[in-house]
Amino acid sequence: MTESWVIEGDGRSPVPPEAAAQALRARVDAGHGETWLTHENGRSLGLVTNGERAMVMLLTDEDDPCEHAVDPGAGGVGDGYVLANGRHDRYPNGDTVPLVEAYRLMQHVLRTGDWPLDAPRAVDR
């Protein structure tokens, strides 16, 4: 089943899952550290990156604390995560994934509506 997701702020054209990684890379390359995709059913899929790692979040609605991808073996803390509002964040590396993995995870969610079975994640609900 293919889901229909739209990048917030980029019009109302759905992002085809097979084009998701390319669209996200283009936004990161253009300096957008934060990208949100929304589904008509109220779900949101977010990416915040420092160019090397990314926080990937899936929310059921705007009030959902979310679930996010994790990298249990990663140590340390990463900085340089610039949000759309200009705030600079730092995240433990274990709460982020390499950017290439983030693209894979997001593409899978866009295609199926859920995380890949092999993707560790934390549920913050």
Protein backbone atom coordinates (compact mmCIF):
# COMPACT_ATOMS: atom_id res chain seq x y z
CA MET A 1 0.00 0.00 0.00
CA THR A 2 1.43 3.41 -0.95
CA GLU A 3 0.78 6.25 1.43
CA SER A 4 0.18 9.84 0.27
CA TRP A 5 2.51 12.28 2.05
CA VAL A 6 3.24 15.96 1.33
CA ILE A 7 6.33 17.98 2.32
CA GLU A 8 5.14 20.90 4.44
CA GLY A 9 5.84 24.21 2.73
CA ASP A 10 6.46 22.66 -0.69
CA GLY A 11 2.94 22.83 -2.10
CA ARG A 12 0.39 20.08 -2.01
CA SER A 13 1.94 17.53 -4.39
CA PRO A 14 2.42 14.11 -2.77
CA VAL A 15 5.97 12.79 -2.57
CA PRO A 16 6.19 9.40 -4.28
CA PRO A 17 8.07 6.97 -1.99
CA GLU A 18 10.62 6.19 -4.70
CA ALA A 19 11.48 9.93 -4.93
CA ALA A 20 11.56 10.57 -1.17
CA ALA A 21 15.29 10.18 -0.60
CA GLN A 22 16.10 12.46 -3.54
CA ALA A 23 13.60 15.11 -2.37
CA LEU A 24 14.96 14.99 1.18
CA ARG A 25 18.58 15.17 -0.02
CA ALA A 26 17.72 18.23 -2.12
CA ARG A 27 16.19 19.95 0.92
CA VAL A 28 19.19 19.12 3.12
CA ASP A 29 21.57 20.32 0.37
CA ALA A 30 19.58 23.58 0.19
CA GLY A 31 20.15 24.12 3.91
CA HIS A 32 16.85 22.86 5.30
CA GLY A 33 17.85 21.04 8.47
CA GLU A 34 14.25 20.27 9.37
CA THR A 35 11.65 18.72 7.08
CA TRP A 36 8.15 17.54 7.91
CA LEU A 37 5.88 15.46 5.75
CA THR A 38 2.18 15.24 6.54
CA HIS A 39 -0.49 12.73 5.67
CA GLU A 40 -4.14 13.63 5.17
CA ASN A 41 -5.02 11.40 8.15
CA GLY A 42 -3.09 13.74 10.49
CA ARG A 43 0.13 11.76 10.79
CA SER A 44 3.50 13.53 10.49
CA LEU A 45 6.95 12.26 9.61
CA GLY A 46 9.86 14.50 10.56
CA LEU A 47 13.56 14.72 9.84
CA VAL A 48 16.00 16.99 11.66
CA THR A 49 19.61 16.67 10.52
CA ASN A 50 23.04 18.09 11.13
CA GLY A 51 24.19 16.81 7.73
CA GLU A 52 25.66 13.59 9.11
CA ARG A 53 23.00 12.15 11.40
CA ALA A 54 19.26 12.67 11.69
CA MET A 55 16.44 12.48 14.17
CA VAL A 56 13.55 10.73 12.41
CA MET A 57 10.16 11.06 14.11
CA LEU A 58 6.73 9.61 13.38
CA LEU A 59 3.69 11.19 15.02
CA THR A 60 0.09 10.00 14.89
CA ASP A 61 -1.23 13.58 15.31
CA GLU A 62 0.04 17.02 16.36
CA ASP A 63 -0.30 16.21 20.08
CA ASP A 64 1.55 12.88 19.88
CA PRO A 65 4.89 12.79 21.76
CA CYS A 66 6.07 10.55 18.86
CA GLU A 67 8.25 7.59 18.25
CA HIS A 68 11.70 8.06 16.78
CA ALA A 69 14.44 6.00 15.17
CA VAL A 70 17.39 5.09 17.39
CA ASP A 71 20.93 3.78 16.96
CA PRO A 72 21.50 1.82 20.19
CA GLY A 73 25.25 1.38 19.61
CA ALA A 74 26.02 5.04 18.95
CA GLY A 75 27.72 6.98 21.71
CA GLY A 76 28.30 10.64 22.28
CA VAL A 77 26.23 13.69 21.49
CA GLY A 78 25.83 15.45 18.17
CA ASP A 79 25.18 19.12 17.65
CA GLY A 80 24.42 21.32 14.66
CA TYR A 81 20.77 20.34 14.37
CA VAL A 82 19.16 23.59 13.21
CA LEU A 83 15.39 23.70 13.44
CA ALA A 84 13.18 25.71 11.09
CA ASN A 85 12.62 28.28 13.86
CA GLY A 86 16.39 28.88 14.09
CA ARG A 87 16.92 26.97 17.34
CA HIS A 88 20.10 24.90 17.51
CA ASP A 89 19.66 21.48 19.12
CA ARG A 90 21.95 18.73 20.37
CA TYR A 91 20.87 15.11 20.50
CA PRO A 92 22.48 11.98 21.90
CA ASN A 93 23.78 10.01 18.91
CA GLY A 94 21.79 7.02 20.14
CA ASP A 95 18.60 9.01 19.45
CA THR A 96 19.63 9.68 15.86
CA VAL A 97 20.67 7.57 12.87
CA PRO A 98 23.15 8.14 10.03
CA LEU A 99 21.58 10.36 7.38
CA VAL A 100 21.63 7.60 4.74
CA GLU A 101 19.68 5.36 7.13
CA ALA A 102 17.22 8.20 7.80
CA TYR A 103 16.45 8.42 4.09
CA ARG A 104 15.84 4.65 3.96
CA LEU A 105 13.54 4.76 6.99
CA MET A 106 11.55 7.68 5.67
CA GLN A 107 11.16 6.10 2.24
CA HIS A 108 9.81 2.93 3.87
CA VAL A 109 7.33 4.86 6.04
CA LEU A 110 6.16 6.82 2.99
CA ARG A 111 5.61 3.57 1.11
CA THR A 112 4.02 1.46 3.86
CA GLY A 113 2.90 3.81 6.62
CA ASP A 114 5.09 2.12 9.24
CA TRP A 115 8.71 1.59 10.25
CA PRO A 116 10.76 -1.20 8.66
CA LEU A 117 10.83 -4.29 10.88
CA ASP A 118 14.62 -3.98 11.27
CA ALA A 119 14.49 -0.37 12.50
CA PRO A 120 15.08 0.13 16.22
CA ARG A 121 12.98 2.92 17.64
CA ALA A 122 11.97 4.54 20.88
CA VAL A 123 8.33 5.18 21.68
CA ASP A 124 8.01 8.43 23.63
CA ARG A 125 4.28 8.07 24.37
